[in-house]
Amino acid sequence: MTLVKWKRPLENGQVNRNAIYNTPLSGLFTNLWADDFLTAERAQFVPAVNLSEDETQYHVELSAPGFDKNDFKIELNDGILSVSGKHHTQTEAKEKNFTRKEFNFGSFQRSFSLPEEINQEAIDAKYENGILKIALPKKEESKKPAKEIKVS
């Protein structure tokens, strides 16, 4: 599985900022839609993913703090593993003469194309300490060592 981080052309120097048509308001829109404007409360949540492999299985770890294990939905369909999560938290604080309520909604969906060597019947998942861990065991025949063939 290959993951590639995408950068905007203006950020990685592919486009010359001076070549873009400038108006008195262009700086306003550049700053308005800049990454620092999209703070964690306004941006869509996409959990970071760690992918690893050992001799017996693949490991997928998604960082999703604040979720509960019942907030996740994991599906396997035609060799595609889809992981989605949705949660809602609400806090209320009463201070002096006012009441403040804060809502936090979050959802995400990630999909992974699985290799054919995965034993789909033995996939296991657990959520602990803010990390969703999915174990993708390999089929027994894929674990057998290579046989050496002698040349005569």
N, C-alpha and C. Protein backbone atom coordinates (compact mmCIF):
# COMPACT_ATOMS: atom_id res chain seq x y z
N MET A 1 0.85 -1.18 0.00
CA MET A 1 0.00 0.00 0.00
C MET A 1 0.89 1.23 0.00
N THR A 2 0.59 2.19 -0.85
CA THR A 2 1.38 3.40 -0.94
C THR A 2 0.51 4.59 -0.60
N LEU A 3 0.99 5.41 0.32
CA LEU A 3 0.30 6.64 0.68
C LEU A 3 1.17 7.81 0.25
N VAL A 4 0.59 8.79 -0.41
CA VAL A 4 1.32 9.95 -0.88
C VAL A 4 0.68 11.19 -0.29
N LYS A 5 1.48 12.03 0.33
CA LYS A 5 0.96 13.28 0.89
C LYS A 5 0.90 14.32 -0.22
N TRP A 6 -0.25 14.96 -0.35
CA TRP A 6 -0.46 15.96 -1.38
C TRP A 6 -0.23 17.34 -0.80
N LYS A 7 0.48 18.18 -1.53
CA LYS A 7 0.68 19.57 -1.13
C LYS A 7 0.11 20.48 -2.19
N ARG A 8 -0.40 21.61 -1.75
CA ARG A 8 -0.91 22.59 -2.70
C ARG A 8 0.25 23.18 -3.49
N PRO A 9 0.02 23.50 -4.78
CA PRO A 9 1.11 24.04 -5.61
C PRO A 9 1.76 25.30 -5.03
N LEU A 10 0.99 26.17 -4.38
CA LEU A 10 1.57 27.39 -3.82
C LEU A 10 2.51 27.08 -2.67
N GLU A 11 2.26 25.98 -1.95
CA GLU A 11 3.07 25.66 -0.79
C GLU A 11 4.41 25.04 -1.15
N ASN A 12 4.46 24.31 -2.24
CA ASN A 12 5.71 23.62 -2.56
C ASN A 12 6.48 24.31 -3.69
N GLY A 13 6.11 25.55 -4.03
CA GLY A 13 6.90 26.34 -4.96
C GLY A 13 6.67 26.05 -6.42
N GLN A 14 5.66 25.26 -6.77
CA GLN A 14 5.41 24.95 -8.17
C GLN A 14 4.80 26.14 -8.92
N VAL A 15 4.09 26.99 -8.20
CA VAL A 15 3.46 28.15 -8.82
C VAL A 15 4.06 29.40 -8.22
N ASN A 16 4.43 30.35 -9.05
CA ASN A 16 4.98 31.61 -8.58
C ASN A 16 3.84 32.49 -8.08
N ARG A 17 3.87 32.85 -6.82
CA ARG A 17 2.80 33.65 -6.23
C ARG A 17 2.67 35.01 -6.93
N ASN A 18 3.78 35.59 -7.40
CA ASN A 18 3.71 36.90 -8.06
C ASN A 18 3.04 36.82 -9.42
N ALA A 19 3.01 35.64 -10.03
CA ALA A 19 2.41 35.50 -11.35
C ALA A 19 0.90 35.46 -11.29
N ILE A 20 0.34 35.23 -10.11
CA ILE A 20 -1.11 35.18 -9.96
C ILE A 20 -1.65 36.61 -9.96
N TYR A 21 -2.80 36.80 -10.59
CA TYR A 21 -3.40 38.12 -10.68
C TYR A 21 -3.68 38.65 -9.28
N ASN A 22 -3.15 39.80 -8.95
CA ASN A 22 -3.31 40.39 -7.63
C ASN A 22 -4.28 41.54 -7.66
N THR A 23 -5.17 41.55 -6.70
CA THR A 23 -6.09 42.66 -6.48
C THR A 23 -5.96 43.05 -5.02
N PRO A 24 -6.54 44.16 -4.61
CA PRO A 24 -6.47 44.53 -3.19
C PRO A 24 -7.09 43.46 -2.27
N LEU A 25 -8.02 42.67 -2.80
CA LEU A 25 -8.68 41.66 -1.96
C LEU A 25 -8.04 40.27 -2.07
N SER A 26 -7.08 40.09 -2.99
CA SER A 26 -6.51 38.75 -3.17
C SER A 26 -5.81 38.25 -1.91
N GLY A 27 -5.15 39.14 -1.19
CA GLY A 27 -4.50 38.75 0.06
C GLY A 27 -5.50 38.31 1.10
N LEU A 28 -6.68 38.95 1.11
CA LEU A 28 -7.72 38.57 2.05
C LEU A 28 -8.15 37.13 1.81
N PHE A 29 -8.40 36.77 0.54
CA PHE A 29 -8.84 35.42 0.24
C PHE A 29 -7.72 34.40 0.46
N THR A 30 -6.49 34.77 0.19
CA THR A 30 -5.37 33.87 0.44
C THR A 30 -5.29 33.57 1.93
N ASN A 31 -5.40 34.59 2.77
CA ASN A 31 -5.33 34.38 4.21
C ASN A 31 -6.58 33.69 4.75
N LEU A 32 -7.74 33.98 4.15
CA LEU A 32 -8.98 33.39 4.62
C LEU A 32 -8.99 31.88 4.43
N TRP A 33 -8.46 31.41 3.31
CA TRP A 33 -8.49 29.98 3.01
C TRP A 33 -7.16 29.30 3.32
N ALA A 34 -6.26 29.96 3.99
CA ALA A 34 -4.97 29.35 4.34
C ALA A 34 -5.18 28.23 5.35
N ASP A 35 -4.19 27.37 5.48
CA ASP A 35 -4.29 26.21 6.37
C ASP A 35 -4.49 26.61 7.83
N ASP A 36 -3.90 27.75 8.26
CA ASP A 36 -4.06 28.12 9.66
C ASP A 36 -5.49 28.55 9.96
N PHE A 37 -6.27 28.95 8.94
CA PHE A 37 -7.67 29.28 9.15
C PHE A 37 -8.47 28.02 9.45
N LEU A 38 -8.08 26.92 8.83
CA LEU A 38 -8.79 25.66 9.02
C LEU A 38 -8.24 24.96 10.25
N THR A 39 -8.65 25.43 11.39
CA THR A 39 -8.20 24.83 12.64
C THR A 39 -8.90 23.49 12.84
N ALA A 40 -8.55 22.81 13.90
CA ALA A 40 -9.08 21.47 14.15
C ALA A 40 -10.61 21.47 14.26
N GLU A 41 -11.19 22.55 14.76
CA GLU A 41 -12.64 22.59 14.90
C GLU A 41 -13.34 22.73 13.55
N ARG A 42 -12.70 23.34 12.58
CA ARG A 42 -13.33 23.59 11.29
C ARG A 42 -12.96 22.56 10.22
N ALA A 43 -11.85 21.91 10.38
CA ALA A 43 -11.37 20.97 9.36
C ALA A 43 -12.02 19.60 9.55
N GLN A 44 -12.13 18.87 8.46
CA GLN A 44 -12.65 17.52 8.53
C GLN A 44 -11.59 16.62 9.17
N PHE A 45 -12.04 15.73 10.03
CA PHE A 45 -11.13 14.85 10.75
C PHE A 45 -10.74 13.68 9.86
N VAL A 46 -9.46 13.49 9.67
CA VAL A 46 -8.93 12.32 8.96
C VAL A 46 -7.85 11.72 9.85
N PRO A 47 -8.09 10.52 10.38
CA PRO A 47 -7.11 9.96 11.31
C PRO A 47 -5.82 9.57 10.61
N ALA A 48 -4.72 9.75 11.32
CA ALA A 48 -3.42 9.30 10.82
C ALA A 48 -3.41 7.78 10.86
N VAL A 49 -2.72 7.18 9.88
CA VAL A 49 -2.70 5.73 9.76
C VAL A 49 -1.27 5.23 9.74
N ASN A 50 -0.99 4.18 10.49
CA ASN A 50 0.28 3.46 10.42
C ASN A 50 0.02 2.10 9.82
N LEU A 51 0.80 1.73 8.80
CA LEU A 51 0.69 0.42 8.17
C LEU A 51 2.01 -0.30 8.37
N SER A 52 1.94 -1.56 8.82
CA SER A 52 3.16 -2.34 9.01
C SER A 52 2.86 -3.80 8.69
N GLU A 53 3.94 -4.56 8.55
CA GLU A 53 3.82 -5.97 8.20
C GLU A 53 4.88 -6.76 8.96
N ASP A 54 4.50 -7.94 9.42
CA ASP A 54 5.48 -8.89 9.93
C ASP A 54 5.29 -10.21 9.19
N GLU A 55 5.89 -11.26 9.67
CA GLU A 55 5.85 -12.54 8.95
C GLU A 55 4.47 -13.16 8.89
N THR A 56 3.63 -12.88 9.89
CA THR A 56 2.34 -13.55 9.96
C THR A 56 1.13 -12.68 9.62
N GLN A 57 1.30 -11.34 9.66
CA GLN A 57 0.13 -10.48 9.42
C GLN A 57 0.52 -9.05 9.09
N TYR A 58 -0.47 -8.32 8.58
CA TYR A 58 -0.36 -6.88 8.37
C TYR A 58 -1.03 -6.20 9.56
N HIS A 59 -0.59 -4.99 9.87
CA HIS A 59 -1.16 -4.22 10.97
C HIS A 59 -1.58 -2.85 10.44
N VAL A 60 -2.81 -2.44 10.78
CA VAL A 60 -3.31 -1.11 10.45
C VAL A 60 -3.66 -0.46 11.78
N GLU A 61 -3.11 0.73 12.02
CA GLU A 61 -3.40 1.47 13.25
C GLU A 61 -3.90 2.85 12.87
N LEU A 62 -5.08 3.21 13.36
CA LEU A 62 -5.67 4.52 13.11
C LEU A 62 -5.72 5.29 14.42
N SER A 63 -5.23 6.51 14.41
CA SER A 63 -5.26 7.37 15.58
C SER A 63 -6.60 8.10 15.62
N ALA A 64 -7.45 7.74 16.57
CA ALA A 64 -8.77 8.34 16.68
C ALA A 64 -9.12 8.57 18.15
N PRO A 65 -8.44 9.52 18.80
CA PRO A 65 -8.73 9.79 20.21
C PRO A 65 -10.12 10.41 20.38
N GLY A 66 -10.75 10.10 21.49
CA GLY A 66 -12.06 10.66 21.79
C GLY A 66 -13.21 9.82 21.27
N PHE A 67 -12.91 8.78 20.51
CA PHE A 67 -13.95 7.90 20.02
C PHE A 67 -14.19 6.78 21.04
N ASP A 68 -15.28 6.07 20.88
CA ASP A 68 -15.59 4.88 21.64
C ASP A 68 -15.57 3.71 20.67
N LYS A 69 -15.36 2.49 21.16
CA LYS A 69 -15.27 1.36 20.24
C LYS A 69 -16.56 1.15 19.45
N ASN A 70 -17.69 1.60 19.98
CA ASN A 70 -18.96 1.48 19.27
C ASN A 70 -19.14 2.53 18.18
N ASP A 71 -18.24 3.51 18.12
CA ASP A 71 -18.32 4.57 17.10
C ASP A 71 -17.75 4.12 15.75
N PHE A 72 -17.09 2.97 15.70
CA PHE A 72 -16.43 2.51 14.48
C PHE A 72 -17.29 1.51 13.72
N LYS A 73 -17.14 1.55 12.41
CA LYS A 73 -17.78 0.57 11.54
C LYS A 73 -16.70 0.08 10.58
N ILE A 74 -16.44 -1.22 10.60
CA ILE A 74 -15.41 -1.82 9.75
C ILE A 74 -16.09 -2.82 8.83
N GLU A 75 -15.90 -2.64 7.52
CA GLU A 75 -16.53 -3.51 6.53
C GLU A 75 -15.49 -4.03 5.56
N LEU A 76 -15.73 -5.23 5.08
CA LEU A 76 -14.88 -5.84 4.07
C LEU A 76 -15.77 -6.21 2.89
N ASN A 77 -15.46 -5.63 1.72
CA ASN A 77 -16.28 -5.87 0.54
C ASN A 77 -15.39 -5.95 -0.69
N ASP A 78 -15.35 -7.11 -1.33
CA ASP A 78 -14.56 -7.32 -2.55
C ASP A 78 -13.10 -6.93 -2.38
N GLY A 79 -12.49 -7.31 -1.27
CA GLY A 79 -11.07 -7.04 -1.04
C GLY A 79 -10.76 -5.62 -0.62
N ILE A 80 -11.77 -4.81 -0.33
CA ILE A 80 -11.59 -3.44 0.15
C ILE A 80 -12.02 -3.38 1.61
N LEU A 81 -11.09 -2.99 2.48
CA LEU A 81 -11.39 -2.81 3.89
C LEU A 81 -11.75 -1.34 4.10
N SER A 82 -12.97 -1.07 4.54
CA SER A 82 -13.44 0.29 4.80
C SER A 82 -13.61 0.48 6.30
N VAL A 83 -13.00 1.54 6.80
CA VAL A 83 -13.09 1.86 8.22
C VAL A 83 -13.72 3.25 8.31
N SER A 84 -14.81 3.34 9.03
CA SER A 84 -15.44 4.64 9.23
C SER A 84 -15.74 4.81 10.71
N GLY A 85 -15.86 6.04 11.11
CA GLY A 85 -16.16 6.35 12.50
C GLY A 85 -16.95 7.63 12.59
N LYS A 86 -17.81 7.69 13.58
CA LYS A 86 -18.64 8.88 13.77
C LYS A 86 -18.86 9.05 15.26
N HIS A 87 -18.62 10.26 15.75
CA HIS A 87 -18.88 10.49 17.17
C HIS A 87 -19.42 11.89 17.39
N HIS A 88 -20.03 12.05 18.54
CA HIS A 88 -20.66 13.31 18.92
C HIS A 88 -20.44 13.50 20.41
N THR A 89 -19.87 14.62 20.78
CA THR A 89 -19.70 14.93 22.20
C THR A 89 -20.33 16.28 22.47
N GLN A 90 -20.83 16.43 23.67
CA GLN A 90 -21.45 17.69 24.06
C GLN A 90 -21.05 17.98 25.49
N THR A 91 -20.57 19.20 25.72
CA THR A 91 -20.23 19.61 27.08
C THR A 91 -21.00 20.88 27.41
N GLU A 92 -21.27 21.05 28.69
CA GLU A 92 -21.99 22.24 29.13
C GLU A 92 -21.33 22.75 30.40
N ALA A 93 -21.06 24.04 30.43
CA ALA A 93 -20.46 24.64 31.62
C ALA A 93 -21.26 25.87 32.01
N LYS A 94 -21.59 25.95 33.29
CA LYS A 94 -22.32 27.12 33.78
C LYS A 94 -21.36 27.95 34.61
N GLU A 95 -21.14 29.18 34.16
CA GLU A 95 -20.24 30.08 34.86
C GLU A 95 -20.92 31.44 34.99
N LYS A 96 -20.87 32.02 36.17
CA LYS A 96 -21.45 33.33 36.45
C LYS A 96 -22.89 33.39 35.94
N ASN A 97 -23.18 34.32 35.00
CA ASN A 97 -24.54 34.51 34.52
C ASN A 97 -24.76 33.98 33.11
N PHE A 98 -23.92 33.11 32.65
CA PHE A 98 -24.12 32.60 31.30
C PHE A 98 -23.88 31.10 31.24
N THR A 99 -24.39 30.50 30.21
CA THR A 99 -24.20 29.07 29.98
C THR A 99 -23.51 28.91 28.64
N ARG A 100 -22.57 28.02 28.62
CA ARG A 100 -21.83 27.76 27.38
C ARG A 100 -22.00 26.29 27.04
N LYS A 101 -22.32 26.01 25.79
CA LYS A 101 -22.40 24.64 25.31
C LYS A 101 -21.42 24.49 24.17
N GLU A 102 -20.73 23.39 24.16
CA GLU A 102 -19.80 23.12 23.07
C GLU A 102 -20.13 21.76 22.49
N PHE A 103 -20.28 21.74 21.18
CA PHE A 103 -20.56 20.50 20.48
C PHE A 103 -19.34 20.12 19.67
N ASN A 104 -19.08 18.84 19.57
CA ASN A 104 -17.99 18.35 18.75
C ASN A 104 -18.49 17.15 17.96
N PHE A 105 -18.57 17.30 16.65
CA PHE A 105 -18.98 16.22 15.77
C PHE A 105 -17.78 15.81 14.95
N GLY A 106 -17.61 14.55 14.76
CA GLY A 106 -16.51 14.09 13.95
C GLY A 106 -16.87 12.82 13.23
N SER A 107 -16.44 12.71 11.99
CA SER A 107 -16.64 11.48 11.25
C SER A 107 -15.52 11.35 10.23
N PHE A 108 -15.26 10.13 9.81
CA PHE A 108 -14.23 9.89 8.81
C PHE A 108 -14.53 8.57 8.12
N GLN A 109 -13.88 8.37 6.99
CA GLN A 109 -13.91 7.07 6.31
C GLN A 109 -12.59 6.89 5.58
N ARG A 110 -11.96 5.75 5.78
CA ARG A 110 -10.72 5.38 5.10
C ARG A 110 -10.94 4.01 4.48
N SER A 111 -10.38 3.79 3.30
CA SER A 111 -10.49 2.50 2.63
C SER A 111 -9.12 2.02 2.22
N PHE A 112 -8.93 0.70 2.31
CA PHE A 112 -7.65 0.08 1.99
C PHE A 112 -7.89 -1.13 1.10
N SER A 113 -7.16 -1.23 0.03
CA SER A 113 -7.21 -2.39 -0.85
C SER A 113 -6.31 -3.47 -0.26
N LEU A 114 -6.88 -4.64 0.00
CA LEU A 114 -6.13 -5.70 0.66
C LEU A 114 -5.50 -6.63 -0.35
N PRO A 115 -4.30 -7.13 -0.05
CA PRO A 115 -3.69 -8.13 -0.92
C PRO A 115 -4.46 -9.46 -0.82
N GLU A 116 -4.32 -10.30 -1.82
CA GLU A 116 -5.04 -11.58 -1.85
C GLU A 116 -4.57 -12.54 -0.76
N GLU A 117 -3.40 -12.33 -0.20
CA GLU A 117 -2.85 -13.25 0.80
C GLU A 117 -3.47 -13.09 2.19
N ILE A 118 -4.44 -12.19 2.34
CA ILE A 118 -5.08 -11.95 3.64
C ILE A 118 -6.13 -13.02 3.91
N ASN A 119 -6.12 -13.57 5.12
CA ASN A 119 -7.16 -14.48 5.58
C ASN A 119 -8.33 -13.62 6.05
N GLN A 120 -9.30 -13.40 5.20
CA GLN A 120 -10.38 -12.46 5.49
C GLN A 120 -11.28 -12.92 6.63
N GLU A 121 -11.30 -14.21 6.91
CA GLU A 121 -12.14 -14.74 7.99
C GLU A 121 -11.54 -14.48 9.37
N ALA A 122 -10.26 -14.15 9.43
CA ALA A 122 -9.58 -14.01 10.74
C ALA A 122 -9.20 -12.57 11.06
N ILE A 123 -9.73 -11.60 10.35
CA ILE A 123 -9.41 -10.20 10.63
C ILE A 123 -9.95 -9.83 12.01
N ASP A 124 -9.14 -9.11 12.79
CA ASP A 124 -9.51 -8.76 14.15
C ASP A 124 -9.25 -7.27 14.37
N ALA A 125 -10.07 -6.64 15.18
CA ALA A 125 -9.90 -5.22 15.48
C ALA A 125 -10.15 -4.97 16.96
N LYS A 126 -9.37 -4.03 17.52
CA LYS A 126 -9.61 -3.60 18.89
C LYS A 126 -9.23 -2.12 19.01
N TYR A 127 -9.89 -1.46 19.95
CA TYR A 127 -9.68 -0.04 20.18
C TYR A 127 -9.21 0.15 21.61
N GLU A 128 -8.02 0.74 21.76
CA GLU A 128 -7.51 1.01 23.10
C GLU A 128 -6.60 2.24 23.06
N ASN A 129 -6.74 3.07 24.07
CA ASN A 129 -5.91 4.27 24.24
C ASN A 129 -5.93 5.19 23.02
N GLY A 130 -7.09 5.32 22.38
CA GLY A 130 -7.23 6.23 21.25
C GLY A 130 -6.72 5.69 19.93
N ILE A 131 -6.34 4.42 19.89
CA ILE A 131 -5.81 3.81 18.66
C ILE A 131 -6.70 2.62 18.28
N LEU A 132 -7.19 2.64 17.04
CA LEU A 132 -7.92 1.49 16.50
C LEU A 132 -6.89 0.60 15.81
N LYS A 133 -6.75 -0.63 16.31
CA LYS A 133 -5.76 -1.57 15.77
C LYS A 133 -6.48 -2.68 15.03
N ILE A 134 -6.12 -2.87 13.77
CA ILE A 134 -6.72 -3.92 12.95
C ILE A 134 -5.62 -4.88 12.55
N ALA A 135 -5.81 -6.16 12.86
CA ALA A 135 -4.84 -7.20 12.50
C ALA A 135 -5.37 -7.94 11.28
N LEU A 136 -4.55 -8.02 10.25
CA LEU A 136 -4.91 -8.69 9.00
C LEU A 136 -3.99 -9.89 8.81
N PRO A 137 -4.38 -11.06 9.33
CA PRO A 137 -3.50 -12.22 9.24
C PRO A 137 -3.35 -12.73 7.81
N LYS A 138 -2.18 -13.25 7.52
CA LYS A 138 -1.91 -13.83 6.21
C LYS A 138 -2.41 -15.27 6.18
N LYS A 139 -2.75 -15.74 4.99
CA LYS A 139 -3.17 -17.13 4.82
C LYS A 139 -1.99 -18.04 5.11
N GLU A 140 -2.29 -19.26 5.55
CA GLU A 140 -1.25 -20.22 5.91
C GLU A 140 -0.32 -20.53 4.75
N GLU A 141 -0.85 -20.69 3.55
CA GLU A 141 0.01 -21.05 2.41
C GLU A 141 0.97 -19.93 2.05
N SER A 142 0.65 -18.69 2.39
CA SER A 142 1.56 -17.59 2.08
C SER A 142 2.69 -17.49 3.09
N LYS A 143 2.57 -18.19 4.24
CA LYS A 143 3.61 -18.14 5.27
C LYS A 143 4.69 -19.21 5.07
N LYS A 144 4.44 -20.18 4.19
CA LYS A 144 5.40 -21.26 3.99
C LYS A 144 6.70 -20.71 3.42
N PRO A 145 7.83 -21.24 3.90
CA PRO A 145 9.10 -20.76 3.37
C PRO A 145 9.29 -21.21 1.93
N ALA A 146 10.09 -20.47 1.22
CA ALA A 146 10.36 -20.81 -0.18
C ALA A 146 11.16 -22.10 -0.22
N LYS A 147 10.86 -22.91 -1.21
CA LYS A 147 11.57 -24.17 -1.38
C LYS A 147 12.70 -23.96 -2.36
N GLU A 148 13.87 -24.43 -1.99
CA GLU A 148 15.03 -24.29 -2.87
C GLU A 148 15.05 -25.46 -3.87
N ILE A 149 15.22 -25.12 -5.11
CA ILE A 149 15.27 -26.13 -6.17
C ILE A 149 16.69 -26.17 -6.69
N LYS A 150 17.26 -27.37 -6.66
CA LYS A 150 18.65 -27.54 -7.10
C LYS A 150 18.71 -27.70 -8.61
N VAL A 151 19.70 -27.10 -9.17
CA VAL A 151 19.91 -27.17 -10.61
C VAL A 151 20.81 -28.38 -10.88
N SER A 152 20.39 -29.23 -11.82
CA SER A 152 21.22 -30.41 -12.14
C SER A 152 21.96 -30.23 -13.43
